[in-house]
Amino acid sequence: QVQLVESGGGLVQPGGSLRLSCAASGTFFVGNTMGWYRQTPGKERELVAIMSDTGTTNYATSVKDRFTISREYAKNTVSLQMNSLKPEDTAVYFCNVFWWSRGRRNTYWGQGTQVTVSS
């Protein structure tokens, strides 16, 4: 079983910065991808940024050049540095890890952390 615990959300003014962190415990399989998704009321959860265990990254177009994802593999943590925040970045941010095993996708979610960008 894998558990994910996020931290670092909060209230920030437009143009400000926040750093989200996620600590994972449990057994990971090779070929895993960790990352961040976000969700606002009435909308589907969307990908923000993900990073594979080989270092390949994928960012949502809306956050490219503003957000940076990083991982500490030895500690099973993933972080998201968010700069130049905009009001439209306001959402609940969820940490995620997934991998494929025997044709089945195994995915785990954190409980979410609120990010509010407002003056």
C-alpha atoms as a PDB file:
ATOM      1  CA  GLN A   1       0.000   0.000   0.000  1.00  0.00           C
ATOM      2  CA  VAL A   2       1.214   3.502  -0.824  1.00  0.00           C
ATOM      3  CA  GLN A   3       0.389   6.624   1.152  1.00  0.00           C
ATOM      4  CA  LEU A   4       0.948  10.164  -0.082  1.00  0.00           C
ATOM      5  CA  VAL A   5       0.992  13.204   2.190  1.00  0.00           C
ATOM      6  CA  GLU A   6       1.039  16.712   0.710  1.00  0.00           C
ATOM      7  CA  SER A   7       2.132  19.933   2.348  1.00  0.00           C
ATOM      8  CA  GLY A   8       2.808  23.531   1.400  1.00  0.00           C
ATOM      9  CA  GLY A   9      -0.513  24.875   0.199  1.00  0.00           C
ATOM     10  CA  GLY A  10      -1.932  28.191   1.308  1.00  0.00           C
ATOM     11  CA  LEU A  11      -2.917  31.707   0.339  1.00  0.00           C
ATOM     12  CA  VAL A  12      -0.634  33.786  -1.855  1.00  0.00           C
ATOM     13  CA  GLN A  13      -0.999  37.026  -3.787  1.00  0.00           C
ATOM     14  CA  PRO A  14      -0.901  37.073  -7.587  1.00  0.00           C
ATOM     15  CA  GLY A  15       2.686  36.981  -8.792  1.00  0.00           C
ATOM     16  CA  GLY A  16       3.823  35.178  -5.661  1.00  0.00           C
ATOM     17  CA  SER A  17       5.350  31.742  -5.163  1.00  0.00           C
ATOM     18  CA  LEU A  18       4.533  28.559  -3.302  1.00  0.00           C
ATOM     19  CA  ARG A  19       6.234  25.203  -3.002  1.00  0.00           C
ATOM     20  CA  LEU A  20       4.239  22.013  -2.625  1.00  0.00           C
ATOM     21  CA  SER A  21       5.801  18.828  -1.314  1.00  0.00           C
ATOM     22  CA  CYS A  22       4.595  15.262  -1.228  1.00  0.00           C
ATOM     23  CA  ALA A  23       6.092  12.444   0.815  1.00  0.00           C
ATOM     24  CA  ALA A  24       5.319   8.898  -0.191  1.00  0.00           C
ATOM     25  CA  SER A  25       5.551   5.761   1.884  1.00  0.00           C
ATOM     26  CA  GLY A  26       5.173   2.180   0.802  1.00  0.00           C
ATOM     27  CA  THR A  27       6.520   0.038  -1.991  1.00  0.00           C
ATOM     28  CA  PHE A  28       7.095   1.548  -5.408  1.00  0.00           C
ATOM     29  CA  PHE A  29       7.580  -0.321  -8.618  1.00  0.00           C
ATOM     30  CA  VAL A  30      10.142   0.532 -11.243  1.00  0.00           C
ATOM     31  CA  GLY A  31       8.635   2.625 -13.984  1.00  0.00           C
ATOM     32  CA  ASN A  32       6.585   4.800 -11.671  1.00  0.00           C
ATOM     33  CA  THR A  33       5.558   8.370 -12.331  1.00  0.00           C
ATOM     34  CA  MET A  34       4.896  10.913  -9.596  1.00  0.00           C
ATOM     35  CA  GLY A  35       3.283  14.250 -10.013  1.00  0.00           C
ATOM     36  CA  TRP A  36       0.623  16.807  -9.365  1.00  0.00           C
ATOM     37  CA  TYR A  37      -2.932  17.311 -10.497  1.00  0.00           C
ATOM     38  CA  ARG A  38      -5.427  19.986  -9.547  1.00  0.00           C
ATOM     39  CA  GLN A  39      -9.159  20.361  -9.363  1.00  0.00           C
ATOM     40  CA  THR A  40     -11.637  23.206  -8.970  1.00  0.00           C
ATOM     41  CA  PRO A  41     -15.331  22.846  -8.083  1.00  0.00           C
ATOM     42  CA  GLY A  42     -17.392  21.547 -10.959  1.00  0.00           C
ATOM     43  CA  LYS A  43     -14.395  20.663 -13.099  1.00  0.00           C
ATOM     44  CA  GLU A  44     -12.474  17.495 -13.753  1.00  0.00           C
ATOM     45  CA  ARG A  45      -9.127  16.890 -12.172  1.00  0.00           C
ATOM     46  CA  GLU A  46      -6.370  17.998 -14.530  1.00  0.00           C
ATOM     47  CA  LEU A  47      -2.703  17.254 -14.894  1.00  0.00           C
ATOM     48  CA  VAL A  48      -0.326  19.960 -13.713  1.00  0.00           C
ATOM     49  CA  ALA A  49       3.087  18.304 -13.893  1.00  0.00           C
ATOM     50  CA  ILE A  50       4.422  14.753 -13.701  1.00  0.00           C
ATOM     51  CA  MET A  51       7.868  13.228 -13.614  1.00  0.00           C
ATOM     52  CA  SER A  52       8.860   9.638 -14.294  1.00  0.00           C
ATOM     53  CA  ASP A  53      11.507   7.765 -12.361  1.00  0.00           C
ATOM     54  CA  THR A  54      13.831   8.277 -15.340  1.00  0.00           C
ATOM     55  CA  GLY A  55      13.411  12.054 -15.168  1.00  0.00           C
ATOM     56  CA  THR A  56      10.992  12.585 -18.032  1.00  0.00           C
ATOM     57  CA  THR A  57       8.617  15.451 -17.316  1.00  0.00           C
ATOM     58  CA  ASN A  58       5.288  16.593 -18.674  1.00  0.00           C
ATOM     59  CA  TYR A  59       3.682  19.936 -17.883  1.00  0.00           C
ATOM     60  CA  ALA A  60       0.312  21.434 -18.574  1.00  0.00           C
ATOM     61  CA  THR A  61       0.673  24.217 -21.132  1.00  0.00           C
ATOM     62  CA  SER A  62      -0.820  26.712 -18.689  1.00  0.00           C
ATOM     63  CA  VAL A  63       1.985  26.221 -16.140  1.00  0.00           C
ATOM     64  CA  LYS A  64       5.019  25.727 -18.364  1.00  0.00           C
ATOM     65  CA  ASP A  65       7.793  28.219 -17.602  1.00  0.00           C
ATOM     66  CA  ARG A  66       6.172  29.029 -14.236  1.00  0.00           C
ATOM     67  CA  PHE A  67       6.102  25.696 -12.384  1.00  0.00           C
ATOM     68  CA  THR A  68       8.949  23.246 -11.857  1.00  0.00           C
ATOM     69  CA  ILE A  69       8.581  19.666 -10.703  1.00  0.00           C
ATOM     70  CA  SER A  70      11.375  17.786  -8.961  1.00  0.00           C
ATOM     71  CA  ARG A  71      11.880  14.455  -7.243  1.00  0.00           C
ATOM     72  CA  GLU A  72      14.182  13.061  -4.586  1.00  0.00           C
ATOM     73  CA  TYR A  73      14.192   9.402  -5.512  1.00  0.00           C
ATOM     74  CA  ALA A  74      15.945   8.178  -2.386  1.00  0.00           C
ATOM     75  CA  LYS A  75      13.329   9.844  -0.192  1.00  0.00           C
ATOM     76  CA  ASN A  76      10.319   9.118  -2.425  1.00  0.00           C
ATOM     77  CA  THR A  77       9.302  12.753  -2.492  1.00  0.00           C
ATOM     78  CA  VAL A  78       8.043  15.004  -5.232  1.00  0.00           C
ATOM     79  CA  SER A  79       7.858  18.783  -5.106  1.00  0.00           C
ATOM     80  CA  LEU A  80       6.273  21.478  -7.196  1.00  0.00           C
ATOM     81  CA  GLN A  81       7.784  24.964  -7.215  1.00  0.00           C
ATOM     82  CA  MET A  82       5.114  27.389  -8.363  1.00  0.00           C
ATOM     83  CA  ASN A  83       6.172  30.881  -9.416  1.00  0.00           C
ATOM     84  CA  SER A  84       4.300  33.813 -10.941  1.00  0.00           C
ATOM     85  CA  LEU A  85       1.054  32.444  -9.573  1.00  0.00           C
ATOM     86  CA  LYS A  86      -2.208  33.595 -11.110  1.00  0.00           C
ATOM     87  CA  PRO A  87      -5.757  33.580  -9.712  1.00  0.00           C
ATOM     88  CA  GLU A  88      -6.611  30.815 -12.187  1.00  0.00           C
ATOM     89  CA  ASP A  89      -4.073  28.573 -10.434  1.00  0.00           C
ATOM     90  CA  THR A  90      -6.421  28.469  -7.447  1.00  0.00           C
ATOM     91  CA  ALA A  91      -7.403  24.838  -6.886  1.00  0.00           C
ATOM     92  CA  VAL A  92      -6.953  21.808  -4.689  1.00  0.00           C
ATOM     93  CA  TYR A  93      -3.661  20.202  -5.671  1.00  0.00           C
ATOM     94  CA  PHE A  94      -3.305  16.437  -5.434  1.00  0.00           C
ATOM     95  CA  CYS A  95      -0.153  14.373  -5.358  1.00  0.00           C
ATOM     96  CA  ASN A  96      -0.241  11.204  -7.430  1.00  0.00           C
ATOM     97  CA  VAL A  97       1.892   8.190  -8.168  1.00  0.00           C
ATOM     98  CA  PHE A  98       1.176   5.473 -10.715  1.00  0.00           C
ATOM     99  CA  TRP A  99       2.837   2.546 -12.456  1.00  0.00           C
ATOM    100  CA  TRP A 100       1.865  -0.276 -14.767  1.00  0.00           C
ATOM    101  CA  SER A 101       2.122  -3.858 -13.599  1.00  0.00           C
ATOM    102  CA  ARG A 102       0.866  -6.916 -15.505  1.00  0.00           C
ATOM    103  CA  GLY A 103      -1.270  -4.713 -17.736  1.00  0.00           C
ATOM    104  CA  ARG A 104      -2.936  -2.971 -14.829  1.00  0.00           C
ATOM    105  CA  ARG A 105      -2.477   0.652 -13.818  1.00  0.00           C
ATOM    106  CA  ASN A 106      -1.858   1.123 -10.114  1.00  0.00           C
ATOM    107  CA  THR A 107      -2.560   4.682  -8.959  1.00  0.00           C
ATOM    108  CA  TYR A 108      -2.575   6.400  -5.588  1.00  0.00           C
ATOM    109  CA  TRP A 109      -3.667   9.875  -4.511  1.00  0.00           C
ATOM    110  CA  GLY A 110      -2.913  12.188  -1.643  1.00  0.00           C
ATOM    111  CA  GLN A 111      -5.651  13.960   0.273  1.00  0.00           C
ATOM    112  CA  GLY A 112      -5.099  17.266  -1.516  1.00  0.00           C
ATOM    113  CA  THR A 113      -3.877  20.681  -0.436  1.00  0.00           C
ATOM    114  CA  GLN A 114      -5.618  23.977  -1.149  1.00  0.00           C
ATOM    115  CA  VAL A 115      -3.809  26.676  -3.102  1.00  0.00           C
ATOM    116  CA  THR A 116      -5.531  30.060  -3.247  1.00  0.00           C
ATOM    117  CA  VAL A 117      -4.146  32.906  -5.325  1.00  0.00           C
ATOM    118  CA  SER A 118      -5.894  36.121  -4.421  1.00  0.00           C
ATOM    119  CA  SER A 119      -5.170  39.720  -3.496  1.00  0.00           C
END
